[in-house]
C-alpha atoms as a PDB file:
ATOM      1  CA  MET A   1      55.266  25.067  84.620  1.00  0.00           C
ATOM      2  CA  ARG A   2      56.042  21.583  85.848  1.00  0.00           C
ATOM      3  CA  PRO A   3      58.045  19.176  83.664  1.00  0.00           C
ATOM      4  CA  ALA A   4      56.020  16.348  82.141  1.00  0.00           C
ATOM      5  CA  SER A   5      56.399  12.865  83.577  1.00  0.00           C
ATOM      6  CA  SER A   6      58.036  11.874  80.269  1.00  0.00           C
ATOM      7  CA  ASP A   7      60.839  14.351  81.107  1.00  0.00           C
ATOM      8  CA  PHE A   8      61.452  12.594  84.415  1.00  0.00           C
ATOM      9  CA  ARG A   9      61.530   9.200  82.696  1.00  0.00           C
ATOM     10  CA  ARG A  10      63.979  10.508  80.087  1.00  0.00           C
ATOM     11  CA  TRP A  11      66.203  12.028  82.803  1.00  0.00           C
ATOM     12  CA  SER A  12      66.031   8.803  84.792  1.00  0.00           C
ATOM     13  CA  ARG A  13      67.156   6.768  81.757  1.00  0.00           C
ATOM     14  CA  ALA A  14      70.011   9.188  81.097  1.00  0.00           C
ATOM     15  CA  LEU A  15      71.035   9.079  84.768  1.00  0.00           C
ATOM     16  CA  SER A  16      71.020   5.286  84.629  1.00  0.00           C
ATOM     17  CA  LYS A  17      73.343   5.362  81.597  1.00  0.00           C
ATOM     18  CA  ALA A  18      75.567   7.939  83.311  1.00  0.00           C
ATOM     19  CA  VAL A  19      75.852   5.866  86.494  1.00  0.00           C
ATOM     20  CA  ARG A  20      76.719   2.766  84.477  1.00  0.00           C
ATOM     21  CA  ALA A  21      79.255   4.728  82.388  1.00  0.00           C
ATOM     22  CA  VAL A  22      80.990   5.999  85.533  1.00  0.00           C
ATOM     23  CA  ARG A  23      81.012   2.577  87.153  1.00  0.00           C
ATOM     24  CA  ASN A  24      82.520   1.041  84.029  1.00  0.00           C
ATOM     25  CA  ALA A  25      85.055   3.852  83.621  1.00  0.00           C
ATOM     26  CA  ARG A  26      86.129   3.296  87.214  1.00  0.00           C
ATOM     27  CA  SER A  27      86.309  -0.488  86.622  1.00  0.00           C
ATOM     28  CA  PHE A  28      83.944  -1.344  89.453  1.00  0.00           C
ATOM     29  CA  ARG A  29      81.515  -4.231  89.564  1.00  0.00           C
ATOM     30  CA  ALA A  30      77.984  -3.425  90.697  1.00  0.00           C
ATOM     31  CA  GLN A  31      78.682  -5.414  93.876  1.00  0.00           C
ATOM     32  CA  ASP A  32      81.735  -3.224  94.608  1.00  0.00           C
ATOM     33  CA  VAL A  33      79.726  -0.011  94.361  1.00  0.00           C
ATOM     34  CA  ALA A  34      76.806  -1.443  96.328  1.00  0.00           C
ATOM     35  CA  GLU A  35      79.167  -2.343  99.172  1.00  0.00           C
ATOM     36  CA  ARG A  36      80.826   1.077  99.107  1.00  0.00           C
ATOM     37  CA  MET A  37      77.392   2.720  99.244  1.00  0.00           C
ATOM     38  CA  GLY A  38      76.201   0.411 102.024  1.00  0.00           C
ATOM     39  CA  LEU A  39      73.392  -0.982  99.877  1.00  0.00           C
ATOM     40  CA  ALA A  40      72.185  -4.448  99.087  1.00  0.00           C
ATOM     41  CA  LEU A  41      73.148  -5.417  95.541  1.00  0.00           C
ATOM     42  CA  ARG A  42      69.509  -5.569  94.464  1.00  0.00           C
ATOM     43  CA  THR A  43      68.874  -2.045  95.817  1.00  0.00           C
ATOM     44  CA  TYR A  44      71.939  -0.746  94.016  1.00  0.00           C
ATOM     45  CA  GLU A  45      70.879  -2.457  90.771  1.00  0.00           C
ATOM     46  CA  HIS A  46      67.462  -0.791  91.102  1.00  0.00           C
ATOM     47  CA  PHE A  47      69.224   2.596  91.467  1.00  0.00           C
ATOM     48  CA  GLU A  48      71.596   1.952  88.549  1.00  0.00           C
ATOM     49  CA  GLY A  49      68.700   0.746  86.427  1.00  0.00           C
ATOM     50  CA  GLY A  50      66.903   4.052  86.875  1.00  0.00           C
ATOM     51  CA  GLY A  51      64.202   2.669  89.142  1.00  0.00           C
ATOM     52  CA  GLY A  52      62.401   4.816  91.635  1.00  0.00           C
ATOM     53  CA  ARG A  53      62.431   8.564  92.079  1.00  0.00           C
ATOM     54  CA  LEU A  54      65.430  10.789  91.577  1.00  0.00           C
ATOM     55  CA  ASN A  55      67.340  10.558  94.835  1.00  0.00           C
ATOM     56  CA  LEU A  56      70.018  13.198  95.389  1.00  0.00           C
ATOM     57  CA  GLU A  57      71.348  11.445  98.472  1.00  0.00           C
ATOM     58  CA  ARG A  58      71.961   8.283  96.415  1.00  0.00           C
ATOM     59  CA  ILE A  59      73.578  10.234  93.585  1.00  0.00           C
ATOM     60  CA  PHE A  60      76.011  11.894  95.984  1.00  0.00           C
ATOM     61  CA  ALA A  61      76.658   8.561  97.742  1.00  0.00           C
ATOM     62  CA  PHE A  62      77.388   6.957  94.373  1.00  0.00           C
ATOM     63  CA  ALA A  63      79.793   9.781  93.498  1.00  0.00           C
ATOM     64  CA  ALA A  64      81.598   9.350  96.812  1.00  0.00           C
ATOM     65  CA  ALA A  65      81.752   5.569  96.349  1.00  0.00           C
ATOM     66  CA  THR A  66      83.217   5.880  92.851  1.00  0.00           C
ATOM     67  CA  ASP A  67      85.296   9.051  93.389  1.00  0.00           C
ATOM     68  CA  SER A  68      83.310  10.777  90.663  1.00  0.00           C
ATOM     69  CA  ASP A  69      81.342  14.000  90.263  1.00  0.00           C
ATOM     70  CA  ALA A  70      77.733  14.069  91.488  1.00  0.00           C
ATOM     71  CA  PHE A  71      77.064  17.363  89.713  1.00  0.00           C
ATOM     72  CA  ALA A  72      78.284  15.822  86.437  1.00  0.00           C
ATOM     73  CA  LEU A  73      75.864  12.932  86.964  1.00  0.00           C
ATOM     74  CA  LEU A  74      72.999  15.381  87.371  1.00  0.00           C
ATOM     75  CA  ALA A  75      74.076  17.499  84.399  1.00  0.00           C
ATOM     76  CA  ALA A  76      74.548  14.390  82.262  1.00  0.00           C
ATOM     77  CA  ALA A  77      70.967  13.368  82.980  1.00  0.00           C
ATOM     78  CA  LEU A  78      69.499  16.807  82.393  1.00  0.00           C
ATOM     79  CA  ILE A  79      71.300  17.493  79.098  1.00  0.00           C
ATOM     80  CA  GLN A  80      70.970  13.884  77.890  1.00  0.00           C
ATOM     81  CA  ALA A  81      74.753  13.347  77.705  1.00  0.00           C
ATOM     82  CA  PRO A  82      75.424  10.286  79.903  1.00  0.00           C
ATOM     83  CA  ASP A  83      79.092  10.031  78.907  1.00  0.00           C
ATOM     84  CA  LEU A  84      79.723  13.488  80.382  1.00  0.00           C
ATOM     85  CA  ALA A  85      79.628  11.928  83.845  1.00  0.00           C
ATOM     86  CA  ALA A  86      82.356   9.397  82.997  1.00  0.00           C
ATOM     87  CA  ARG A  87      84.431  12.013  81.172  1.00  0.00           C
ATOM     88  CA  SER A  88      84.234  14.282  84.230  1.00  0.00           C
ATOM     89  CA  ALA A  89      84.838  11.655  86.902  1.00  0.00           C
ATOM     90  CA  ARG A  90      88.564  12.292  87.321  1.00  0.00           C
ATOM     91  CA  ASN A  91      88.763  16.065  87.011  1.00  0.00           C
ATOM     92  CA  LYS A  92      85.405  16.829  88.669  1.00  0.00           C
ATOM     93  CA  LEU A  93      84.432  19.264  85.894  1.00  0.00           C
ATOM     94  CA  MET A  94      80.965  20.119  87.160  1.00  0.00           C
ATOM     95  CA  LEU A  95      81.976  20.239  90.828  1.00  0.00           C
ATOM     96  CA  THR A  96      84.714  22.694  89.852  1.00  0.00           C
ATOM     97  CA  PHE A  97      82.199  24.723  87.859  1.00  0.00           C
ATOM     98  CA  MET A  98      79.805  24.773  90.821  1.00  0.00           C
ATOM     99  CA  LEU A  99      82.577  25.991  93.136  1.00  0.00           C
ATOM    100  CA  ALA A 100      83.421  28.790  90.699  1.00  0.00           C
ATOM    101  CA  LEU A 101      79.716  29.633  90.378  1.00  0.00           C
ATOM    102  CA  GLN A 102      79.423  29.779  94.161  1.00  0.00           C
ATOM    103  CA  GLU A 103      82.339  32.233  94.312  1.00  0.00           C
ATOM    104  CA  PHE A 104      80.765  34.292  91.517  1.00  0.00           C
ATOM    105  CA  ASP A 105      77.439  34.407  93.347  1.00  0.00           C
ATOM    106  CA  THR A 106      79.154  35.521  96.551  1.00  0.00           C
ATOM    107  CA  GLU A 107      81.117  38.249  94.772  1.00  0.00           C
ATOM    108  CA  VAL A 108      78.428  39.615  92.456  1.00  0.00           C
ATOM    109  CA  GLY A 109      75.324  38.906  94.517  1.00  0.00           C
ATOM    110  CA  ASP A 110      72.115  40.618  93.425  1.00  0.00           C
ATOM    111  CA  ASP A 111      73.891  42.189  90.438  1.00  0.00           C
ATOM    112  CA  ILE A 112      73.785  38.800  88.714  1.00  0.00           C
ATOM    113  CA  ASP A 113      70.254  39.793  87.714  1.00  0.00           C
ATOM    114  CA  LEU A 114      71.703  42.726  85.736  1.00  0.00           C
ATOM    115  CA  LEU A 115      73.583  40.412  83.367  1.00  0.00           C
ATOM    116  CA  GLU A 116      71.865  39.756  80.070  1.00  0.00           C
ATOM    117  CA  THR A 117      71.477  36.230  78.750  1.00  0.00           C
ATOM    118  CA  GLY A 118      73.520  37.129  75.642  1.00  0.00           C
ATOM    119  CA  ALA A 119      76.444  38.297  77.792  1.00  0.00           C
ATOM    120  CA  LEU A 120      76.291  35.112  79.846  1.00  0.00           C
ATOM    121  CA  LEU A 121      76.209  32.932  76.738  1.00  0.00           C
ATOM    122  CA  ALA A 122      79.114  34.816  75.170  1.00  0.00           C
ATOM    123  CA  ALA A 123      81.192  34.478  78.350  1.00  0.00           C
ATOM    124  CA  PHE A 124      80.446  30.747  78.656  1.00  0.00           C
ATOM    125  CA  ASN A 125      81.221  30.192  74.960  1.00  0.00           C
ATOM    126  CA  GLU A 126      84.546  32.021  75.371  1.00  0.00           C
ATOM    127  CA  MET A 127      85.414  29.930  78.423  1.00  0.00           C
ATOM    128  CA  PHE A 128      84.532  26.678  76.650  1.00  0.00           C
ATOM    129  CA  ALA A 129      86.502  27.716  73.549  1.00  0.00           C
ATOM    130  CA  ARG A 130      89.589  28.224  75.733  1.00  0.00           C
ATOM    131  CA  LEU A 131      89.044  24.846  77.403  1.00  0.00           C
ATOM    132  CA  THR A 132      88.580  23.213  73.971  1.00  0.00           C
ATOM    133  CA  THR A 133      91.938  24.637  72.859  1.00  0.00           C
ATOM    134  CA  GLU A 134      93.586  23.387  76.051  1.00  0.00           C
ATOM    135  CA  ALA A 135      92.105  19.894  75.689  1.00  0.00           C
ATOM    136  CA  LYS A 136      93.262  19.678  72.061  1.00  0.00           C
ATOM    137  CA  ARG A 137      96.746  20.876  73.001  1.00  0.00           C
ATOM    138  CA  ARG A 138      96.979  18.214  75.695  1.00  0.00           C
ATOM    139  CA  ARG A 139      95.681  15.491  73.333  1.00  0.00           C
ATOM    140  CA  GLU A 140      98.344  16.483  70.752  1.00  0.00           C
ATOM    141  CA  THR A 141     101.069  16.374  73.417  1.00  0.00           C
ATOM    142  CA  ILE A 142      99.965  12.919  74.521  1.00  0.00           C
ATOM    143  CA  ALA A 143      99.871  11.696  70.905  1.00  0.00           C
ATOM    144  CA  THR A 144     103.394  13.047  70.316  1.00  0.00           C
ATOM    145  CA  VAL A 145     104.764  11.383  73.444  1.00  0.00           C
ATOM    146  CA  GLU A 146     103.054   8.095  72.584  1.00  0.00           C
ATOM    147  CA  GLN A 147     104.470   8.171  69.048  1.00  0.00           C
ATOM    148  CA  ARG A 148     107.969   8.949  70.320  1.00  0.00           C
ATOM    149  CA  ALA A 149     107.699   6.135  72.870  1.00  0.00           C
ATOM    150  CA  LYS A 150     106.552   3.759  70.130  1.00  0.00           C
ATOM    151  CA  ASN A 151     109.496   4.734  67.928  1.00  0.00           C
ATOM    152  CA  TRP A 152     112.021   4.848  70.758  1.00  0.00           C
ATOM    153  CA  GLY A 153     114.849   2.487  70.242  1.00  0.00           C
ATOM    154  CA  SER A 154     113.722   1.403  66.765  1.00  0.00           C
ATOM    155  CA  ASP A 155     116.973   2.684  65.332  1.00  0.00           C
ATOM    156  CA  LEU A 156     119.093   0.943  67.977  1.00  0.00           C
ATOM    157  CA  PRO A 157     120.508  -2.494  67.202  1.00  0.00           C
ATOM    158  CA  TYR A 158     119.199  -5.361  69.270  1.00  0.00           C
ATOM    159  CA  PRO A 159     121.812  -7.248  71.287  1.00  0.00           C
ATOM    160  CA  GLY A 160     123.470  -9.891  69.191  1.00  0.00           C
ATOM    161  CA  THR A 161     122.541  -8.261  65.852  1.00  0.00           C
ATOM    162  CA  GLU A 162     125.579  -5.986  65.530  1.00  0.00           C
ATOM    163  CA  ASP A 163     127.909  -6.642  62.607  1.00  0.00           C
END
């Protein structure tokens, strides 16, 4: 069954939002990205605006130009989560996942077909639960360091205020 044209329009809008989110997160102007991609500004703006057909070559060129993750851009469009692309730009979440999937495919091969959907879902949920715990732990560490930095020196006298 072929997706409806409304699906393609919805994906195109989400891709447009994802591209813009990445560009903004990377602090690039549209002109900067257009130049890095070797495109005229108007052509780039058409791409960023979601115009035309889905173009994998452009998506990968955009990712290279912005040092982001092309697979995250695609996933962000397909799951209607445009901010995923910006959140994944630095760590290349989806590219990393694709590399691990490639290794899994090579190792397991045809036996992938033997795995039940429930087992796959359980394994993915377990993996994401571990990553959620890790992300929270890192956020708490950052918050602690920021608070300590904010409070640092507050109990020290300023020069010229000693009694």
